[in-house]
Amino acid sequence: MTVGVRFRTPLLRYFRFRGEPPPLEAYVVVRTGRGLEVGKVRTPPRKAKEEGEVVRLATKEDLDRAARLRAQAEEVLFYLRARLKEEGVQAKVLGCDFTLDGSHLTVHYAAAERVNLRRLGRELGERYGARVEFLAEGPREEAQYLGTLGACGMESCCSTWLQGFAPVSIKLARDQQLPLNPEKISGPCGRLLCCLTYEHPVYQELLKELPKKNARVCTREGVCGKVQKVNPLKGTVELHLEDGKTLEVSKEELA
């Protein structure tokens, strides 16, 4: 059995445990591929693909050390940003994380183009006595890592609870009759809103009962026209008639 552990982002990683399961919201020391790290337990025991093991409940000494390393990671962050500026490297450092023993430093960064950070990695390794790993993050992962506000005024889903990014296409916005304005249907990351996927199955069911846009249809009373707009929530379509007028009819009125 495993428990889900959260670190810096909402993404849960699962670790096996021995004996009694660690309680919810407890801080634990876990063994990952990088070494020992401190995280918070966010799920009860469950079967899941494990990424390591729970070593122990975090002690006060563990938490104090983790806090000191977070402060040192902030120092690394500002140092590296200054060095990138000096070198003219077009990359944005998002954050840095040390393992609990300080032997492994992970640097999260974003860049529009491929950049070579090997020399800076060696420089950081000598300066902080740690093995340095650079992880490139995409636009969505950048928003998830930093935390953003959505168009709804609340924290974005990716920075609070979302566990994966589903493919989002412009078709979802069309089906929901949303304006195809990039500023209206894109998130802070610049990509299409993840929340377009949440209600889309409902729209798909509603659209099955309505004719498609540009189809020619007639009402039970014999009035015919071309569908110029579909209103799935209202269950109606707007017809463009031969005389140039527009008529809104319900699905029940269609022949």
Protein backbone atom coordinates (compact mmCIF):
# COMPACT_ATOMS: atom_id res chain seq x y z
CA MET A 1 0.00 0.00 0.00
CA THR A 2 1.03 3.58 -0.57
CA VAL A 3 0.12 7.11 0.51
CA GLY A 4 0.02 10.19 -1.70
CA VAL A 5 2.60 12.80 -0.75
CA ARG A 6 2.65 16.39 -1.93
CA PHE A 7 5.80 18.46 -2.26
CA ARG A 8 5.99 21.92 -3.87
CA THR A 9 3.24 21.52 -6.47
CA PRO A 10 -0.23 19.89 -6.20
CA LEU A 11 1.01 16.76 -7.98
CA LEU A 12 0.79 13.73 -5.73
CA ARG A 13 3.53 11.13 -5.71
CA TYR A 14 2.95 7.78 -4.06
CA PHE A 15 5.25 6.06 -1.57
CA ARG A 16 4.99 2.69 0.09
CA PHE A 17 5.08 2.46 3.86
CA ARG A 18 5.68 -0.24 6.42
CA GLY A 19 3.59 -0.83 9.51
CA GLU A 20 1.00 1.78 10.44
CA PRO A 21 0.20 4.30 7.70
CA PRO A 22 1.34 7.86 8.38
CA PRO A 23 -1.60 10.12 9.30
CA LEU A 24 -3.12 12.60 6.89
CA GLU A 25 -1.45 16.03 6.83
CA ALA A 26 1.64 14.62 8.57
CA TYR A 27 5.07 15.59 7.27
CA VAL A 28 7.15 12.59 6.29
CA VAL A 29 10.67 11.93 5.07
CA VAL A 30 10.57 9.87 1.87
CA ARG A 31 13.24 8.31 -0.29
CA THR A 32 13.04 9.40 -3.93
CA GLY A 33 15.32 8.94 -6.91
CA ARG A 34 17.17 12.09 -5.82
CA GLY A 35 17.57 11.20 -2.14
CA LEU A 36 15.64 12.02 1.03
CA GLU A 37 12.93 14.68 0.76
CA VAL A 38 10.24 16.06 3.06
CA GLY A 39 6.60 16.12 1.95
CA LYS A 40 3.08 16.16 3.36
CA VAL A 41 0.73 13.16 3.34
CA ARG A 42 -2.45 14.06 1.42
CA THR A 43 -4.25 10.73 0.90
CA PRO A 44 -5.23 7.70 2.97
CA PRO A 45 -3.58 4.38 2.06
CA ARG A 46 -4.32 3.15 -1.46
CA LYS A 47 -2.89 1.00 -4.19
CA ALA A 48 -0.90 3.10 -6.63
CA LYS A 49 2.31 3.05 -8.61
CA GLU A 50 5.00 3.80 -6.07
CA GLU A 51 7.96 6.13 -6.55
CA GLY A 52 9.84 5.26 -3.37
CA GLU A 53 9.24 4.63 0.30
CA VAL A 54 8.31 6.50 3.45
CA VAL A 55 11.38 6.43 5.70
CA ARG A 56 9.87 8.04 8.81
CA LEU A 57 7.63 10.73 10.17
CA ALA A 58 9.51 14.02 9.92
CA THR A 59 11.08 15.13 13.18
CA LYS A 60 11.54 18.71 14.34
CA GLU A 61 15.17 18.45 13.24
CA ASP A 62 14.06 17.33 9.77
CA LEU A 63 11.64 20.24 9.44
CA ASP A 64 14.20 22.75 10.72
CA ARG A 65 16.78 21.47 8.26
CA ALA A 66 14.26 21.57 5.41
CA ALA A 67 13.45 25.19 6.29
CA ARG A 68 17.16 26.13 6.23
CA LEU A 69 17.58 24.43 2.86
CA ARG A 70 14.56 26.28 1.45
CA ALA A 71 16.20 29.55 2.50
CA GLN A 72 19.43 28.44 0.83
CA ALA A 73 17.46 27.48 -2.28
CA GLU A 74 16.12 31.04 -2.44
CA GLU A 75 19.72 32.27 -2.35
CA VAL A 76 20.53 29.94 -5.25
CA LEU A 77 17.50 31.25 -7.14
CA PHE A 78 18.59 34.90 -7.02
CA TYR A 79 22.23 34.04 -7.66
CA LEU A 80 21.34 31.99 -10.74
CA ARG A 81 19.00 34.65 -12.09
CA ALA A 82 21.81 37.20 -11.83
CA ARG A 83 24.27 34.87 -13.56
CA LEU A 84 21.85 34.13 -16.40
CA LYS A 85 21.43 37.85 -16.94
CA GLU A 86 25.21 38.34 -16.98
CA GLU A 87 25.63 35.51 -19.49
CA GLY A 88 22.74 36.70 -21.64
CA VAL A 89 21.02 33.33 -21.42
CA GLN A 90 17.33 33.59 -22.29
CA ALA A 91 15.93 31.38 -19.55
CA LYS A 92 13.67 31.98 -16.56
CA VAL A 93 14.48 30.29 -13.26
CA LEU A 94 11.27 29.24 -11.54
CA GLY A 95 12.59 27.71 -8.35
CA CYS A 96 15.23 25.54 -6.71
CA ASP A 97 14.97 22.59 -4.33
CA PHE A 98 17.56 20.76 -2.23
CA THR A 99 17.22 17.22 -0.98
CA LEU A 100 17.21 16.86 2.80
CA ASP A 101 20.94 16.18 2.99
CA GLY A 102 21.73 19.08 0.64
CA SER A 103 23.56 16.80 -1.80
CA HIS A 104 21.17 17.24 -4.75
CA LEU A 105 19.94 20.56 -6.13
CA THR A 106 17.09 20.66 -8.64
CA VAL A 107 16.64 23.83 -10.70
CA HIS A 108 13.31 24.32 -12.46
CA TYR A 109 13.47 26.68 -15.42
CA ALA A 110 11.54 27.74 -18.51
CA ALA A 111 12.97 28.79 -21.87
CA ALA A 112 11.44 29.50 -25.26
CA GLU A 113 14.42 27.86 -26.97
CA ARG A 114 16.93 25.21 -26.02
CA VAL A 115 19.69 26.60 -23.76
CA ASN A 116 22.98 25.15 -22.57
CA LEU A 117 23.28 25.37 -18.79
CA ARG A 118 26.10 22.88 -18.22
CA ARG A 119 28.72 25.46 -17.31
CA LEU A 120 26.39 27.14 -14.82
CA GLY A 121 25.58 23.70 -13.42
CA ARG A 122 29.26 23.06 -12.71
CA GLU A 123 29.54 26.52 -11.17
CA LEU A 124 26.58 25.88 -8.87
CA GLY A 125 27.92 22.45 -7.94
CA GLU A 126 31.25 23.91 -6.85
CA ARG A 127 29.60 26.81 -5.02
CA TYR A 128 27.03 24.77 -3.06
CA GLY A 129 28.63 21.35 -2.94
CA ALA A 130 25.68 19.60 -4.57
CA ARG A 131 24.90 17.65 -7.72
CA VAL A 132 22.83 19.95 -9.92
CA GLU A 133 19.90 18.87 -12.08
CA PHE A 134 18.14 21.28 -14.46
CA LEU A 135 14.49 20.55 -15.29
CA ALA A 136 12.89 22.41 -18.19
CA GLU A 137 9.20 23.19 -17.63
CA GLY A 138 6.59 23.93 -20.31
CA PRO A 139 4.11 26.85 -20.10
CA ARG A 140 1.46 24.83 -18.26
CA GLU A 141 3.98 23.35 -15.83
CA GLU A 142 5.39 26.82 -15.21
CA ALA A 143 1.96 28.10 -14.17
CA GLN A 144 1.50 25.03 -11.99
CA TYR A 145 4.87 25.49 -10.30
CA LEU A 146 4.55 29.23 -9.64
CA GLY A 147 0.82 29.37 -8.90
CA THR A 148 -1.52 31.72 -10.77
CA LEU A 149 -5.01 33.19 -10.70
CA GLY A 150 -7.58 32.04 -13.22
CA ALA A 151 -10.14 34.12 -15.11
CA CYS A 152 -12.67 33.08 -12.43
CA GLY A 153 -10.70 35.06 -9.85
CA MET A 154 -9.65 31.95 -7.94
CA GLU A 155 -6.32 30.14 -7.86
CA SER A 156 -5.86 28.20 -11.06
CA CYS A 157 -6.76 24.52 -11.00
CA CYS A 158 -3.25 23.46 -11.99
CA SER A 159 -1.70 25.17 -8.98
CA THR A 160 -4.22 23.82 -6.45
CA TRP A 161 -5.48 20.33 -7.29
CA LEU A 162 -5.13 19.28 -10.93
CA GLN A 163 -3.14 16.04 -11.29
CA GLY A 164 -2.59 16.06 -15.04
CA PHE A 165 -3.06 18.13 -18.18
CA ALA A 166 -5.71 16.87 -20.60
CA PRO A 167 -5.51 17.82 -24.29
CA VAL A 168 -7.58 20.96 -24.99
CA SER A 169 -8.63 21.91 -28.53
CA ILE A 170 -10.40 24.91 -30.01
CA LYS A 171 -13.35 22.61 -30.81
CA LEU A 172 -14.29 22.63 -27.13
CA ALA A 173 -14.68 26.41 -27.20
CA ARG A 174 -16.73 26.22 -30.41
CA ASP A 175 -19.06 23.59 -28.95
CA GLN A 176 -19.65 25.83 -25.91
CA GLN A 177 -20.37 28.87 -28.11
CA LEU A 178 -17.51 30.83 -26.58
CA PRO A 179 -15.90 33.77 -28.39
CA LEU A 180 -12.79 32.54 -30.21
CA ASN A 181 -10.71 35.32 -28.70
CA PRO A 182 -7.37 34.01 -27.37
CA GLU A 183 -7.54 36.44 -24.44
CA LYS A 184 -10.93 35.05 -23.41
CA ILE A 185 -10.25 31.34 -23.72
CA SER A 186 -6.59 31.14 -22.66
CA GLY A 187 -5.20 30.77 -19.16
CA PRO A 188 -2.27 32.65 -17.57
CA CYS A 189 0.02 30.07 -19.19
CA GLY A 190 -1.04 31.23 -22.65
CA ARG A 191 -2.60 27.86 -23.48
CA LEU A 192 -6.30 27.05 -23.87
CA LEU A 193 -8.14 26.92 -20.54
CA CYS A 194 -8.04 23.50 -18.89
CA CYS A 195 -11.56 24.10 -17.56
CA LEU A 196 -12.93 23.90 -21.12
CA THR A 197 -12.79 20.14 -20.64
CA TYR A 198 -14.90 20.04 -17.48
CA GLU A 199 -18.34 20.67 -19.01
CA HIS A 200 -17.65 19.45 -22.50
CA PRO A 201 -19.20 15.97 -22.03
CA VAL A 202 -22.50 17.70 -21.14
CA TYR A 203 -22.30 19.85 -24.27
CA GLN A 204 -21.59 16.77 -26.36
CA GLU A 205 -24.79 15.13 -25.12
CA LEU A 206 -26.83 18.28 -25.72
CA LEU A 207 -25.42 18.79 -29.21
CA LYS A 208 -26.43 15.26 -30.23
CA GLU A 209 -30.07 16.42 -30.10
CA LEU A 210 -29.51 19.47 -32.30
CA PRO A 211 -28.62 19.93 -35.99
CA LYS A 212 -25.13 21.11 -36.84
CA LYS A 213 -24.27 24.64 -37.79
CA ASN A 214 -24.84 25.42 -41.52
CA ALA A 215 -27.25 22.48 -41.87
CA ARG A 216 -30.51 23.16 -43.72
CA VAL A 217 -33.57 22.20 -41.62
CA CYS A 218 -37.30 22.77 -41.51
CA THR A 219 -39.81 23.21 -38.71
CA ARG A 220 -42.96 21.13 -38.30
CA GLU A 221 -44.85 24.09 -39.77
CA GLY A 222 -42.79 23.98 -42.96
CA VAL A 223 -40.51 26.96 -42.33
CA CYS A 224 -37.02 26.16 -43.63
CA GLY A 225 -33.69 27.82 -43.18
CA LYS A 226 -29.98 27.42 -42.57
CA VAL A 227 -28.70 26.91 -39.02
CA GLN A 228 -26.51 29.89 -38.21
CA LYS A 229 -26.18 29.34 -34.48
CA VAL A 230 -26.69 26.44 -32.07
CA ASN A 231 -27.68 27.06 -28.44
CA PRO A 232 -27.09 23.72 -26.67
CA LEU A 233 -28.01 24.95 -23.17
CA LYS A 234 -31.30 26.42 -24.38
CA GLY A 235 -31.95 23.50 -26.71
CA THR A 236 -32.58 25.85 -29.64
CA VAL A 237 -31.12 26.79 -33.01
CA GLU A 238 -31.24 30.08 -34.88
CA LEU A 239 -32.29 29.75 -38.51
CA HIS A 240 -31.40 32.16 -41.30
CA LEU A 241 -34.50 32.24 -43.48
CA GLU A 242 -34.65 32.88 -47.22
CA ASP A 243 -36.14 36.34 -46.66
CA GLY A 244 -33.11 37.32 -44.57
CA LYS A 245 -34.88 37.10 -41.22
CA THR A 246 -33.67 35.09 -38.24
CA LEU A 247 -35.90 32.66 -36.36
CA GLU A 248 -35.05 30.87 -33.13
CA VAL A 249 -36.73 27.50 -32.75
CA SER A 250 -36.53 24.73 -30.16
CA LYS A 251 -35.49 21.18 -30.97
CA GLU A 252 -39.10 20.09 -30.36
CA GLU A 253 -40.29 22.34 -33.20
CA LEU A 254 -37.94 20.85 -35.76
CA ALA A 255 -39.29 18.34 -38.26
